[in-house]
């Protein structure tokens, strides 16, 4: 079995980073807050435009989060698993388009009752 390093090199992936944006507070969508931006080194890629950066998200819904990402890295390639019509124009690649009123049940959403955050800060 090849190591992860070799698999990432085969697709040209050299650096992994995250953008963390909060938009939900357990029950409703609220104001967006960038909890963690990309590193300065990643931000410099593509001349600061995001060209050559791949952003992966599970879902684009209303497109509000995707707009924030586009402000940070406007020329990055944005890929999602699910795309709803309102957010669809903001992504470059998606796997499945679903109607705007479809609720996607992710594994972390399927508790039988409200699941409190793992840490006290709610992050």
PDB file of N, CA and C in Angstrom:
ATOM      1  N   UNK A   1       0.830  -1.172   0.000  1.00  0.00           N
ATOM      2  CA  UNK A   1       0.000   0.000   0.000  1.00  0.00           C
ATOM      3  C   UNK A   1       0.883   1.246   0.000  1.00  0.00           C
ATOM      4  N   UNK A   2       0.560   2.183  -0.885  1.00  0.00           N
ATOM      5  CA  UNK A   2       1.309   3.427  -0.936  1.00  0.00           C
ATOM      6  C   UNK A   2       0.950   4.302   0.253  1.00  0.00           C
ATOM      7  N   UNK A   3       1.896   5.104   0.666  1.00  0.00           N
ATOM      8  CA  UNK A   3       1.613   6.014   1.768  1.00  0.00           C
ATOM      9  C   UNK A   3       0.737   7.168   1.282  1.00  0.00           C
ATOM     10  N   UNK A   4       0.097   7.851   2.205  1.00  0.00           N
ATOM     11  CA  UNK A   4      -0.729   9.009   1.868  1.00  0.00           C
ATOM     12  C   UNK A   4       0.094  10.065   1.147  1.00  0.00           C
ATOM     13  N   UNK A   5       1.320  10.206   1.547  1.00  0.00           N
ATOM     14  CA  UNK A   5       2.187  11.210   0.933  1.00  0.00           C
ATOM     15  C   UNK A   5       2.283  10.982  -0.571  1.00  0.00           C
ATOM     16  N   UNK A   6       2.431   9.734  -0.987  1.00  0.00           N
ATOM     17  CA  UNK A   6       2.550   9.436  -2.411  1.00  0.00           C
ATOM     18  C   UNK A   6       1.244   9.691  -3.144  1.00  0.00           C
ATOM     19  N   UNK A   7       0.118   9.369  -2.540  1.00  0.00           N
ATOM     20  CA  UNK A   7      -1.168   9.608  -3.198  1.00  0.00           C
ATOM     21  C   UNK A   7      -1.416  11.094  -3.376  1.00  0.00           C
ATOM     22  N   UNK A   8      -1.123  11.914  -2.367  1.00  0.00           N
ATOM     23  CA  UNK A   8      -1.320  13.351  -2.496  1.00  0.00           C
ATOM     24  C   UNK A   8      -0.376  13.935  -3.539  1.00  0.00           C
ATOM     25  N   UNK A   9       0.852  13.443  -3.599  1.00  0.00           N
ATOM     26  CA  UNK A   9       1.811  13.923  -4.578  1.00  0.00           C
ATOM     27  C   UNK A   9       1.334  13.584  -5.986  1.00  0.00           C
ATOM     28  N   UNK A  10       0.716  12.435  -6.172  1.00  0.00           N
ATOM     29  CA  UNK A  10       0.249  12.017  -7.493  1.00  0.00           C
ATOM     30  C   UNK A  10      -0.792  12.977  -8.056  1.00  0.00           C
ATOM     31  N   UNK A  11      -1.577  13.618  -7.211  1.00  0.00           N
ATOM     32  CA  UNK A  11      -2.565  14.578  -7.698  1.00  0.00           C
ATOM     33  C   UNK A  11      -2.076  16.015  -7.527  1.00  0.00           C
ATOM     34  N   UNK A  12      -0.836  16.176  -7.147  1.00  0.00           N
ATOM     35  CA  UNK A  12      -0.258  17.503  -7.036  1.00  0.00           C
ATOM     36  C   UNK A  12      -0.630  18.250  -5.771  1.00  0.00           C
ATOM     37  N   UNK A  13      -1.141  17.551  -4.782  1.00  0.00           N
ATOM     38  CA  UNK A  13      -1.538  18.193  -3.524  1.00  0.00           C
ATOM     39  C   UNK A  13      -0.320  18.304  -2.627  1.00  0.00           C
ATOM     40  N   UNK A  14       0.042  19.530  -2.303  1.00  0.00           N
ATOM     41  CA  UNK A  14       1.242  19.752  -1.503  1.00  0.00           C
ATOM     42  C   UNK A  14       0.930  20.302  -0.108  1.00  0.00           C
ATOM     43  N   UNK A  15      -0.140  21.060   0.022  1.00  0.00           N
ATOM     44  CA  UNK A  15      -0.452  21.735   1.276  1.00  0.00           C
ATOM     45  C   UNK A  15      -1.933  21.541   1.578  1.00  0.00           C
ATOM     46  N   UNK A  16      -2.252  21.258   2.825  1.00  0.00           N
ATOM     47  CA  UNK A  16      -3.646  21.141   3.253  1.00  0.00           C
ATOM     48  C   UNK A  16      -3.888  22.214   4.313  1.00  0.00           C
ATOM     49  N   UNK A  17      -4.980  22.947   4.162  1.00  0.00           N
ATOM     50  CA  UNK A  17      -5.336  23.997   5.105  1.00  0.00           C
ATOM     51  C   UNK A  17      -6.855  23.993   5.236  1.00  0.00           C
ATOM     52  N   UNK A  18      -7.378  24.774   6.135  1.00  0.00           N
ATOM     53  CA  UNK A  18      -8.818  24.861   6.313  1.00  0.00           C
ATOM     54  C   UNK A  18      -9.255  26.314   6.426  1.00  0.00           C
ATOM     55  N   UNK A  19     -10.494  26.547   6.012  1.00  0.00           N
ATOM     56  CA  UNK A  19     -11.197  27.794   6.295  1.00  0.00           C
ATOM     57  C   UNK A  19     -12.369  27.368   7.164  1.00  0.00           C
ATOM     58  N   UNK A  20     -12.530  27.979   8.296  1.00  0.00           N
ATOM     59  CA  UNK A  20     -13.612  27.604   9.208  1.00  0.00           C
ATOM     60  C   UNK A  20     -14.587  28.766   9.330  1.00  0.00           C
ATOM     61  N   UNK A  21     -15.826  28.527   8.877  1.00  0.00           N
ATOM     62  CA  UNK A  21     -16.854  29.557   8.902  1.00  0.00           C
ATOM     63  C   UNK A  21     -18.066  29.009   9.629  1.00  0.00           C
ATOM     64  N   UNK A  22     -18.534  29.730  10.628  1.00  0.00           N
ATOM     65  CA  UNK A  22     -19.715  29.307  11.381  1.00  0.00           C
ATOM     66  C   UNK A  22     -20.928  30.063  10.852  1.00  0.00           C
ATOM     67  N   UNK A  23     -22.004  29.311  10.597  1.00  0.00           N
ATOM     68  CA  UNK A  23     -23.230  29.957  10.128  1.00  0.00           C
ATOM     69  C   UNK A  23     -24.473  29.451  10.845  1.00  0.00           C
ATOM     70  N   UNK A  24     -24.344  28.370  11.580  1.00  0.00           N
ATOM     71  CA  UNK A  24     -25.506  27.799  12.268  1.00  0.00           C
ATOM     72  C   UNK A  24     -25.250  27.763  13.762  1.00  0.00           C
ATOM     73  N   UNK A  25     -26.303  27.934  14.540  1.00  0.00           N
ATOM     74  CA  UNK A  25     -26.183  27.812  15.993  1.00  0.00           C
ATOM     75  C   UNK A  25     -27.173  26.767  16.497  1.00  0.00           C
ATOM     76  N   UNK A  26     -27.028  25.572  16.070  1.00  0.00           N
ATOM     77  CA  UNK A  26     -27.836  24.408  16.459  1.00  0.00           C
ATOM     78  C   UNK A  26     -29.212  24.373  15.796  1.00  0.00           C
ATOM     79  N   UNK A  27     -29.893  25.500  15.613  1.00  0.00           N
ATOM     80  CA  UNK A  27     -31.262  25.447  15.109  1.00  0.00           C
ATOM     81  C   UNK A  27     -31.527  26.376  13.939  1.00  0.00           C
ATOM     82  N   UNK A  28     -30.795  27.462  13.812  1.00  0.00           N
ATOM     83  CA  UNK A  28     -31.093  28.409  12.745  1.00  0.00           C
ATOM     84  C   UNK A  28     -29.815  29.002  12.189  1.00  0.00           C
ATOM     85  N   UNK A  29     -29.925  29.467  10.947  1.00  0.00           N
ATOM     86  CA  UNK A  29     -28.780  30.105  10.323  1.00  0.00           C
ATOM     87  C   UNK A  29     -28.701  31.545  10.779  1.00  0.00           C
ATOM     88  N   UNK A  30     -27.515  31.969  11.129  1.00  0.00           N
ATOM     89  CA  UNK A  30     -27.329  33.333  11.601  1.00  0.00           C
ATOM     90  C   UNK A  30     -26.268  34.052  10.787  1.00  0.00           C
ATOM     91  N   UNK A  31     -25.687  35.078  11.372  1.00  0.00           N
ATOM     92  CA  UNK A  31     -24.617  35.811  10.714  1.00  0.00           C
ATOM     93  C   UNK A  31     -23.402  34.910  10.565  1.00  0.00           C
ATOM     94  N   UNK A  32     -22.684  35.093   9.472  1.00  0.00           N
ATOM     95  CA  UNK A  32     -21.490  34.291   9.243  1.00  0.00           C
ATOM     96  C   UNK A  32     -20.310  34.870  10.005  1.00  0.00           C
ATOM     97  N   UNK A  33     -19.488  33.972  10.504  1.00  0.00           N
ATOM     98  CA  UNK A  33     -18.305  34.385  11.244  1.00  0.00           C
ATOM     99  C   UNK A  33     -17.140  33.507  10.796  1.00  0.00           C
ATOM    100  N   UNK A  34     -16.080  34.130  10.324  1.00  0.00           N
ATOM    101  CA  UNK A  34     -14.877  33.380   9.950  1.00  0.00           C
ATOM    102  C   UNK A  34     -14.138  33.069  11.242  1.00  0.00           C
ATOM    103  N   UNK A  35     -14.129  31.785  11.609  1.00  0.00           N
ATOM    104  CA  UNK A  35     -13.454  31.343  12.832  1.00  0.00           C
ATOM    105  C   UNK A  35     -11.960  31.167  12.603  1.00  0.00           C
ATOM    106  N   UNK A  36     -11.599  30.746  11.376  1.00  0.00           N
ATOM    107  CA  UNK A  36     -10.194  30.549  11.013  1.00  0.00           C
ATOM    108  C   UNK A  36     -10.058  30.771   9.521  1.00  0.00           C
ATOM    109  N   UNK A  37      -9.222  31.712   9.155  1.00  0.00           N
ATOM    110  CA  UNK A  37      -8.931  31.941   7.743  1.00  0.00           C
ATOM    111  C   UNK A  37      -7.808  31.037   7.278  1.00  0.00           C
ATOM    112  N   UNK A  38      -7.473  31.124   6.012  1.00  0.00           N
ATOM    113  CA  UNK A  38      -6.363  30.323   5.499  1.00  0.00           C
ATOM    114  C   UNK A  38      -5.041  30.953   5.923  1.00  0.00           C
ATOM    115  N   UNK A  39      -4.006  30.142   5.920  1.00  0.00           N
ATOM    116  CA  UNK A  39      -2.692  30.631   6.337  1.00  0.00           C
ATOM    117  C   UNK A  39      -2.158  31.642   5.323  1.00  0.00           C
ATOM    118  N   UNK A  40      -1.235  32.466   5.756  1.00  0.00           N
ATOM    119  CA  UNK A  40      -0.634  33.465   4.871  1.00  0.00           C
ATOM    120  C   UNK A  40       0.042  32.811   3.673  1.00  0.00           C
ATOM    121  N   UNK A  41       0.715  31.672   3.892  1.00  0.00           N
ATOM    122  CA  UNK A  41       1.398  30.986   2.793  1.00  0.00           C
ATOM    123  C   UNK A  41       0.409  30.512   1.735  1.00  0.00           C
ATOM    124  N   UNK A  42      -0.730  29.974   2.164  1.00  0.00           N
ATOM    125  CA  UNK A  42      -1.742  29.521   1.209  1.00  0.00           C
ATOM    126  C   UNK A  42      -2.385  30.723   0.523  1.00  0.00           C
ATOM    127  N   UNK A  43      -2.624  31.778   1.264  1.00  0.00           N
ATOM    128  CA  UNK A  43      -3.244  32.980   0.689  1.00  0.00           C
ATOM    129  C   UNK A  43      -2.393  33.573  -0.435  1.00  0.00           C
ATOM    130  N   UNK A  44      -1.086  33.377  -0.384  1.00  0.00           N
ATOM    131  CA  UNK A  44      -0.185  33.911  -1.406  1.00  0.00           C
ATOM    132  C   UNK A  44      -0.221  33.102  -2.701  1.00  0.00           C
ATOM    133  N   UNK A  45      -0.725  31.866  -2.645  1.00  0.00           N
ATOM    134  CA  UNK A  45      -0.758  31.036  -3.844  1.00  0.00           C
ATOM    135  C   UNK A  45      -1.610  31.690  -4.924  1.00  0.00           C
ATOM    136  N   UNK A  46      -1.218  31.486  -6.155  1.00  0.00           N
ATOM    137  CA  UNK A  46      -1.965  32.061  -7.264  1.00  0.00           C
ATOM    138  C   UNK A  46      -1.923  33.570  -7.261  1.00  0.00           C
ATOM    139  N   UNK A  47      -0.857  34.134  -6.699  1.00  0.00           N
ATOM    140  CA  UNK A  47      -0.736  35.586  -6.650  1.00  0.00           C
ATOM    141  C   UNK A  47      -1.752  36.238  -5.742  1.00  0.00           C
ATOM    142  N   UNK A  48      -2.250  35.484  -4.761  1.00  0.00           N
ATOM    143  CA  UNK A  48      -3.230  36.016  -3.825  1.00  0.00           C
ATOM    144  C   UNK A  48      -4.668  35.871  -4.295  1.00  0.00           C
ATOM    145  N   UNK A  49      -4.867  35.272  -5.456  1.00  0.00           N
ATOM    146  CA  UNK A  49      -6.217  35.134  -6.027  1.00  0.00           C
ATOM    147  C   UNK A  49      -6.900  33.829  -5.646  1.00  0.00           C
ATOM    148  N   UNK A  50      -6.114  32.868  -5.179  1.00  0.00           N
ATOM    149  CA  UNK A  50      -6.665  31.553  -4.887  1.00  0.00           C
ATOM    150  C   UNK A  50      -6.505  30.578  -6.037  1.00  0.00           C
ATOM    151  N   UNK A  51      -5.973  31.026  -7.152  1.00  0.00           N
ATOM    152  CA  UNK A  51      -5.772  30.129  -8.295  1.00  0.00           C
ATOM    153  C   UNK A  51      -4.877  28.967  -7.874  1.00  0.00           C
ATOM    154  N   UNK A  52      -5.297  27.755  -8.175  1.00  0.00           N
ATOM    155  CA  UNK A  52      -4.546  26.565  -7.803  1.00  0.00           C
ATOM    156  C   UNK A  52      -4.959  25.979  -6.468  1.00  0.00           C
ATOM    157  N   UNK A  53      -5.945  26.609  -5.790  1.00  0.00           N
ATOM    158  CA  UNK A  53      -6.427  26.104  -4.507  1.00  0.00           C
ATOM    159  C   UNK A  53      -7.746  25.375  -4.720  1.00  0.00           C
ATOM    160  N   UNK A  54      -7.877  24.236  -4.086  1.00  0.00           N
ATOM    161  CA  UNK A  54      -9.116  23.457  -4.106  1.00  0.00           C
ATOM    162  C   UNK A  54      -9.792  23.602  -2.755  1.00  0.00           C
ATOM    163  N   UNK A  55     -11.038  24.071  -2.760  1.00  0.00           N
ATOM    164  CA  UNK A  55     -11.851  24.177  -1.548  1.00  0.00           C
ATOM    165  C   UNK A  55     -12.910  23.084  -1.643  1.00  0.00           C
ATOM    166  N   UNK A  56     -13.038  22.264  -0.598  1.00  0.00           N
ATOM    167  CA  UNK A  56     -14.021  21.184  -0.578  1.00  0.00           C
ATOM    168  C   UNK A  56     -14.979  21.418   0.577  1.00  0.00           C
ATOM    169  N   UNK A  57     -16.278  21.349   0.286  1.00  0.00           N
ATOM    170  CA  UNK A  57     -17.307  21.511   1.312  1.00  0.00           C
ATOM    171  C   UNK A  57     -18.344  20.420   1.110  1.00  0.00           C
ATOM    172  N   UNK A  58     -19.100  20.132   2.159  1.00  0.00           N
ATOM    173  CA  UNK A  58     -20.119  19.092   2.031  1.00  0.00           C
ATOM    174  C   UNK A  58     -21.348  19.571   1.272  1.00  0.00           C
ATOM    175  N   UNK A  59     -21.706  20.859   1.415  1.00  0.00           N
ATOM    176  CA  UNK A  59     -22.967  21.355   0.878  1.00  0.00           C
ATOM    177  C   UNK A  59     -22.887  22.841   0.595  1.00  0.00           C
ATOM    178  N   UNK A  60     -23.439  23.260  -0.539  1.00  0.00           N
ATOM    179  CA  UNK A  60     -23.697  24.678  -0.759  1.00  0.00           C
ATOM    180  C   UNK A  60     -25.210  24.821  -0.751  1.00  0.00           C
ATOM    181  N   UNK A  61     -25.715  25.638   0.166  1.00  0.00           N
ATOM    182  CA  UNK A  61     -27.152  25.776   0.369  1.00  0.00           C
ATOM    183  C   UNK A  61     -27.610  27.122  -0.200  1.00  0.00           C
ATOM    184  N   UNK A  62     -27.619  28.147   0.606  1.00  0.00           N
ATOM    185  CA  UNK A  62     -28.027  29.476   0.136  1.00  0.00           C
ATOM    186  C   UNK A  62     -26.893  30.182  -0.605  1.00  0.00           C
ATOM    187  N   UNK A  63     -25.682  29.719  -0.424  1.00  0.00           N
ATOM    188  CA  UNK A  63     -24.516  30.339  -1.050  1.00  0.00           C
ATOM    189  C   UNK A  63     -23.838  31.383  -0.188  1.00  0.00           C
ATOM    190  N   UNK A  64     -24.376  31.652   0.993  1.00  0.00           N
ATOM    191  CA  UNK A  64     -23.786  32.686   1.856  1.00  0.00           C
ATOM    192  C   UNK A  64     -22.354  32.338   2.260  1.00  0.00           C
ATOM    193  N   UNK A  65     -22.130  31.104   2.674  1.00  0.00           N
ATOM    194  CA  UNK A  65     -20.780  30.690   3.068  1.00  0.00           C
ATOM    195  C   UNK A  65     -19.857  30.686   1.858  1.00  0.00           C
ATOM    196  N   UNK A  66     -20.340  30.198   0.736  1.00  0.00           N
ATOM    197  CA  UNK A  66     -19.532  30.165  -0.485  1.00  0.00           C
ATOM    198  C   UNK A  66     -19.120  31.582  -0.902  1.00  0.00           C
ATOM    199  N   UNK A  67     -19.995  32.565  -0.715  1.00  0.00           N
ATOM    200  CA  UNK A  67     -19.649  33.956  -1.052  1.00  0.00           C
ATOM    201  C   UNK A  67     -18.494  34.440  -0.187  1.00  0.00           C
ATOM    202  N   UNK A  68     -18.501  34.083   1.093  1.00  0.00           N
ATOM    203  CA  UNK A  68     -17.404  34.476   1.976  1.00  0.00           C
ATOM    204  C   UNK A  68     -16.107  33.819   1.506  1.00  0.00           C
ATOM    205  N   UNK A  69     -16.173  32.538   1.151  1.00  0.00           N
ATOM    206  CA  UNK A  69     -14.987  31.844   0.652  1.00  0.00           C
ATOM    207  C   UNK A  69     -14.489  32.513  -0.626  1.00  0.00           C
ATOM    208  N   UNK A  70     -15.400  32.863  -1.518  1.00  0.00           N
ATOM    209  CA  UNK A  70     -15.023  33.526  -2.782  1.00  0.00           C
ATOM    210  C   UNK A  70     -14.373  34.889  -2.521  1.00  0.00           C
ATOM    211  N   UNK A  71     -14.769  35.579  -1.476  1.00  0.00           N
ATOM    212  CA  UNK A  71     -14.122  36.848  -1.134  1.00  0.00           C
ATOM    213  C   UNK A  71     -12.679  36.622  -0.698  1.00  0.00           C
ATOM    214  N   UNK A  72     -12.449  35.511  -0.006  1.00  0.00           N
ATOM    215  CA  UNK A  72     -11.109  35.202   0.511  1.00  0.00           C
ATOM    216  C   UNK A  72     -10.206  34.691  -0.605  1.00  0.00           C
ATOM    217  N   UNK A  73     -10.714  33.764  -1.415  1.00  0.00           N
ATOM    218  CA  UNK A  73      -9.944  33.155  -2.510  1.00  0.00           C
ATOM    219  C   UNK A  73     -10.817  33.105  -3.769  1.00  0.00           C
ATOM    220  N   UNK A  74     -10.946  34.220  -4.475  1.00  0.00           N
ATOM    221  CA  UNK A  74     -11.902  34.312  -5.576  1.00  0.00           C
ATOM    222  C   UNK A  74     -11.687  33.343  -6.729  1.00  0.00           C
ATOM    223  N   UNK A  75     -10.450  32.934  -6.986  1.00  0.00           N
ATOM    224  CA  UNK A  75     -10.203  32.055  -8.137  1.00  0.00           C
ATOM    225  C   UNK A  75      -9.964  30.599  -7.734  1.00  0.00           C
ATOM    226  N   UNK A  76     -10.219  30.255  -6.477  1.00  0.00           N
ATOM    227  CA  UNK A  76     -10.083  28.860  -6.039  1.00  0.00           C
ATOM    228  C   UNK A  76     -11.154  28.017  -6.719  1.00  0.00           C
ATOM    229  N   UNK A  77     -10.908  26.736  -6.832  1.00  0.00           N
ATOM    230  CA  UNK A  77     -11.896  25.788  -7.367  1.00  0.00           C
ATOM    231  C   UNK A  77     -12.722  25.306  -6.181  1.00  0.00           C
ATOM    232  N   UNK A  78     -14.007  25.586  -6.190  1.00  0.00           N
ATOM    233  CA  UNK A  78     -14.892  25.229  -5.085  1.00  0.00           C
ATOM    234  C   UNK A  78     -15.696  23.994  -5.473  1.00  0.00           C
ATOM    235  N   UNK A  79     -15.524  22.906  -4.719  1.00  0.00           N
ATOM    236  CA  UNK A  79     -16.213  21.642  -4.978  1.00  0.00           C
ATOM    237  C   UNK A  79     -17.058  21.270  -3.769  1.00  0.00           C
ATOM    238  N   UNK A  80     -18.275  20.796  -4.023  1.00  0.00           N
ATOM    239  CA  UNK A  80     -19.143  20.341  -2.941  1.00  0.00           C
ATOM    240  C   UNK A  80     -19.734  18.985  -3.295  1.00  0.00           C
ATOM    241  N   UNK A  81     -20.183  18.281  -2.266  1.00  0.00           N
ATOM    242  CA  UNK A  81     -20.874  17.014  -2.496  1.00  0.00           C
ATOM    243  C   UNK A  81     -22.292  17.313  -2.966  1.00  0.00           C
ATOM    244  N   UNK A  82     -23.003  18.177  -2.227  1.00  0.00           N
ATOM    245  CA  UNK A  82     -24.387  18.533  -2.561  1.00  0.00           C
ATOM    246  C   UNK A  82     -24.464  20.006  -2.933  1.00  0.00           C
ATOM    247  N   UNK A  83     -25.318  20.314  -3.911  1.00  0.00           N
ATOM    248  CA  UNK A  83     -25.543  21.709  -4.308  1.00  0.00           C
ATOM    249  C   UNK A  83     -27.036  21.963  -4.411  1.00  0.00           C
ATOM    250  N   UNK A  84     -27.490  23.025  -3.760  1.00  0.00           N
ATOM    251  CA  UNK A  84     -28.878  23.461  -3.873  1.00  0.00           C
ATOM    252  C   UNK A  84     -28.932  24.630  -4.861  1.00  0.00           C
ATOM    253  N   UNK A  85     -30.074  24.862  -5.489  1.00  0.00           N
ATOM    254  CA  UNK A  85     -30.165  25.861  -6.558  1.00  0.00           C
ATOM    255  C   UNK A  85     -29.651  27.255  -6.200  1.00  0.00           C
ATOM    256  N   UNK A  86     -29.919  27.748  -4.997  1.00  0.00           N
ATOM    257  CA  UNK A  86     -29.464  29.096  -4.640  1.00  0.00           C
ATOM    258  C   UNK A  86     -27.942  29.205  -4.589  1.00  0.00           C
ATOM    259  N   UNK A  87     -27.266  28.156  -4.178  1.00  0.00           N
ATOM    260  CA  UNK A  87     -25.818  28.193  -4.057  1.00  0.00           C
ATOM    261  C   UNK A  87     -25.075  27.622  -5.243  1.00  0.00           C
ATOM    262  N   UNK A  88     -25.780  26.901  -6.084  1.00  0.00           N
ATOM    263  CA  UNK A  88     -25.163  26.203  -7.219  1.00  0.00           C
ATOM    264  C   UNK A  88     -24.276  27.095  -8.108  1.00  0.00           C
ATOM    265  N   UNK A  89     -24.680  28.339  -8.423  1.00  0.00           N
ATOM    266  CA  UNK A  89     -23.824  29.167  -9.288  1.00  0.00           C
ATOM    267  C   UNK A  89     -22.457  29.506  -8.691  1.00  0.00           C
ATOM    268  N   UNK A  90     -22.288  29.317  -7.400  1.00  0.00           N
ATOM    269  CA  UNK A  90     -21.033  29.675  -6.751  1.00  0.00           C
ATOM    270  C   UNK A  90     -20.009  28.548  -6.732  1.00  0.00           C
ATOM    271  N   UNK A  91     -20.411  27.329  -7.080  1.00  0.00           N
ATOM    272  CA  UNK A  91     -19.476  26.204  -7.042  1.00  0.00           C
ATOM    273  C   UNK A  91     -19.039  25.824  -8.447  1.00  0.00           C
ATOM    274  N   UNK A  92     -17.840  25.283  -8.527  1.00  0.00           N
ATOM    275  CA  UNK A  92     -17.297  24.856  -9.810  1.00  0.00           C
ATOM    276  C   UNK A  92     -17.626  23.394 -10.104  1.00  0.00           C
ATOM    277  N   UNK A  93     -17.675  22.584  -9.050  1.00  0.00           N
ATOM    278  CA  UNK A  93     -17.917  21.148  -9.188  1.00  0.00           C
ATOM    279  C   UNK A  93     -18.809  20.697  -8.048  1.00  0.00           C
ATOM    280  N   UNK A  94     -19.758  19.813  -8.342  1.00  0.00           N
ATOM    281  CA  UNK A  94     -20.578  19.202  -7.298  1.00  0.00           C
ATOM    282  C   UNK A  94     -20.922  17.793  -7.737  1.00  0.00           C
ATOM    283  N   UNK A  95     -21.340  16.954  -6.782  1.00  0.00           N
ATOM    284  CA  UNK A  95     -21.700  15.572  -7.080  1.00  0.00           C
ATOM    285  C   UNK A  95     -23.190  15.443  -7.365  1.00  0.00           C
ATOM    286  N   UNK A  96     -24.020  15.996  -6.474  1.00  0.00           N
ATOM    287  CA  UNK A  96     -25.471  15.826  -6.579  1.00  0.00           C
ATOM    288  C   UNK A  96     -26.173  17.152  -6.345  1.00  0.00           C
ATOM    289  N   UNK A  97     -27.099  17.504  -7.239  1.00  0.00           N
ATOM    290  CA  UNK A  97     -27.926  18.688  -7.016  1.00  0.00           C
ATOM    291  C   UNK A  97     -29.226  18.233  -6.381  1.00  0.00           C
ATOM    292  N   UNK A  98     -29.650  18.942  -5.352  1.00  0.00           N
ATOM    293  CA  UNK A  98     -30.900  18.630  -4.649  1.00  0.00           C
ATOM    294  C   UNK A  98     -31.752  19.893  -4.603  1.00  0.00           C
ATOM    295  N   UNK A  99     -33.057  19.732  -4.379  1.00  0.00           N
ATOM    296  CA  UNK A  99     -33.946  20.883  -4.329  1.00  0.00           C
ATOM    297  C   UNK A  99     -33.610  21.755  -3.123  1.00  0.00           C
ATOM    298  N   UNK A 100     -33.994  23.019  -3.202  1.00  0.00           N
ATOM    299  CA  UNK A 100     -33.677  23.973  -2.143  1.00  0.00           C
ATOM    300  C   UNK A 100     -34.282  23.561  -0.807  1.00  0.00           C
ATOM    301  N   UNK A 101     -35.433  22.890  -0.825  1.00  0.00           N
ATOM    302  CA  UNK A 101     -36.102  22.529   0.436  1.00  0.00           C
ATOM    303  C   UNK A 101     -35.694  21.153   0.970  1.00  0.00           C
ATOM    304  N   UNK A 102     -34.748  20.494   0.325  1.00  0.00           N
ATOM    305  CA  UNK A 102     -34.276  19.188   0.797  1.00  0.00           C
ATOM    306  C   UNK A 102     -33.324  19.379   1.968  1.00  0.00           C
ATOM    307  N   UNK A 103     -33.575  18.657   3.054  1.00  0.00           N
ATOM    308  CA  UNK A 103     -32.666  18.681   4.193  1.00  0.00           C
ATOM    309  C   UNK A 103     -31.740  17.486   4.067  1.00  0.00           C
ATOM    310  N   UNK A 104     -30.451  17.727   4.094  1.00  0.00           N
ATOM    311  CA  UNK A 104     -29.454  16.659   3.992  1.00  0.00           C
ATOM    312  C   UNK A 104     -29.108  16.225   5.411  1.00  0.00           C
ATOM    313  N   UNK A 105     -29.264  14.941   5.685  1.00  0.00           N
ATOM    314  CA  UNK A 105     -28.914  14.400   6.998  1.00  0.00           C
ATOM    315  C   UNK A 105     -27.496  13.851   6.952  1.00  0.00           C
ATOM    316  N   UNK A 106     -26.594  14.592   7.550  1.00  0.00           N
ATOM    317  CA  UNK A 106     -25.214  14.143   7.655  1.00  0.00           C
ATOM    318  C   UNK A 106     -25.078  13.323   8.925  1.00  0.00           C
ATOM    319  N   UNK A 107     -24.073  12.462   9.013  1.00  0.00           N
ATOM    320  CA  UNK A 107     -23.924  11.618  10.215  1.00  0.00           C
ATOM    321  C   UNK A 107     -23.918  12.412  11.517  1.00  0.00           C
ATOM    322  N   UNK A 108     -23.350  13.616  11.503  1.00  0.00           N
ATOM    323  CA  UNK A 108     -23.283  14.414  12.725  1.00  0.00           C
ATOM    324  C   UNK A 108     -24.619  15.083  13.051  1.00  0.00           C
ATOM    325  N   UNK A 109     -25.599  14.964  12.157  1.00  0.00           N
ATOM    326  CA  UNK A 109     -26.926  15.537  12.386  1.00  0.00           C
ATOM    327  C   UNK A 109     -27.957  14.504  12.816  1.00  0.00           C
ATOM    328  N   UNK A 110     -27.571  13.249  12.926  1.00  0.00           N
ATOM    329  CA  UNK A 110     -28.573  12.198  13.078  1.00  0.00           C
ATOM    330  C   UNK A 110     -28.750  11.690  14.501  1.00  0.00           C
ATOM    331  N   UNK A 111     -28.352  12.451  15.500  1.00  0.00           N
ATOM    332  CA  UNK A 111     -28.612  12.060  16.881  1.00  0.00           C
ATOM    333  C   UNK A 111     -30.119  12.015  17.118  1.00  0.00           C
ATOM    334  N   UNK A 112     -30.568  11.194  18.038  1.00  0.00           N
ATOM    335  CA  UNK A 112     -31.994  11.082  18.318  1.00  0.00           C
ATOM    336  C   UNK A 112     -32.546  12.330  18.981  1.00  0.00           C
ATOM    337  N   UNK A 113     -31.680  13.108  19.600  1.00  0.00           N
ATOM    338  CA  UNK A 113     -32.084  14.348  20.255  1.00  0.00           C
ATOM    339  C   UNK A 113     -30.950  15.336  20.092  1.00  0.00           C
ATOM    340  N   UNK A 114     -31.157  16.559  20.532  1.00  0.00           N
ATOM    341  CA  UNK A 114     -30.095  17.564  20.443  1.00  0.00           C
ATOM    342  C   UNK A 114     -28.818  17.027  21.049  1.00  0.00           C
ATOM    343  N   UNK A 115     -27.730  17.185  20.324  1.00  0.00           N
ATOM    344  CA  UNK A 115     -26.433  16.746  20.805  1.00  0.00           C
ATOM    345  C   UNK A 115     -25.635  17.987  21.186  1.00  0.00           C
ATOM    346  N   UNK A 116     -25.283  18.166  22.452  1.00  0.00           N
ATOM    347  CA  UNK A 116     -24.533  19.357  22.842  1.00  0.00           C
ATOM    348  C   UNK A 116     -23.150  19.354  22.194  1.00  0.00           C
ATOM    349  N   UNK A 117     -22.552  20.536  22.029  1.00  0.00           N
ATOM    350  CA  UNK A 117     -21.206  20.614  21.461  1.00  0.00           C
ATOM    351  C   UNK A 117     -20.231  19.791  22.288  1.00  0.00           C
ATOM    352  N   UNK A 118     -19.160  19.348  21.627  1.00  0.00           N
ATOM    353  CA  UNK A 118     -18.153  18.528  22.289  1.00  0.00           C
ATOM    354  C   UNK A 118     -17.410  19.331  23.351  1.00  0.00           C
ATOM    355  N   UNK A 119     -17.126  20.612  23.050  1.00  0.00           N
ATOM    356  CA  UNK A 119     -16.409  21.401  24.051  1.00  0.00           C
ATOM    357  C   UNK A 119     -17.300  22.520  24.578  1.00  0.00           C
ATOM    358  N   UNK A 120     -16.914  23.084  25.682  1.00  0.00           N
ATOM    359  CA  UNK A 120     -17.741  24.091  26.359  1.00  0.00           C
ATOM    360  C   UNK A 120     -17.891  25.374  25.547  1.00  0.00           C
ATOM    361  N   UNK A 121     -16.950  25.662  24.671  1.00  0.00           N
ATOM    362  CA  UNK A 121     -17.021  26.887  23.871  1.00  0.00           C
ATOM    363  C   UNK A 121     -18.035  26.762  22.739  1.00  0.00           C
ATOM    364  N   UNK A 122     -18.517  25.537  22.488  1.00  0.00           N
ATOM    365  CA  UNK A 122     -19.500  25.332  21.429  1.00  0.00           C
ATOM    366  C   UNK A 122     -18.901  25.279  20.049  1.00  0.00           C
ATOM    367  N   UNK A 123     -17.604  25.051  19.957  1.00  0.00           N
ATOM    368  CA  UNK A 123     -16.931  25.013  18.657  1.00  0.00           C
ATOM    369  C   UNK A 123     -16.770  23.605  18.163  1.00  0.00           C
TER     370      UNK A 123
END
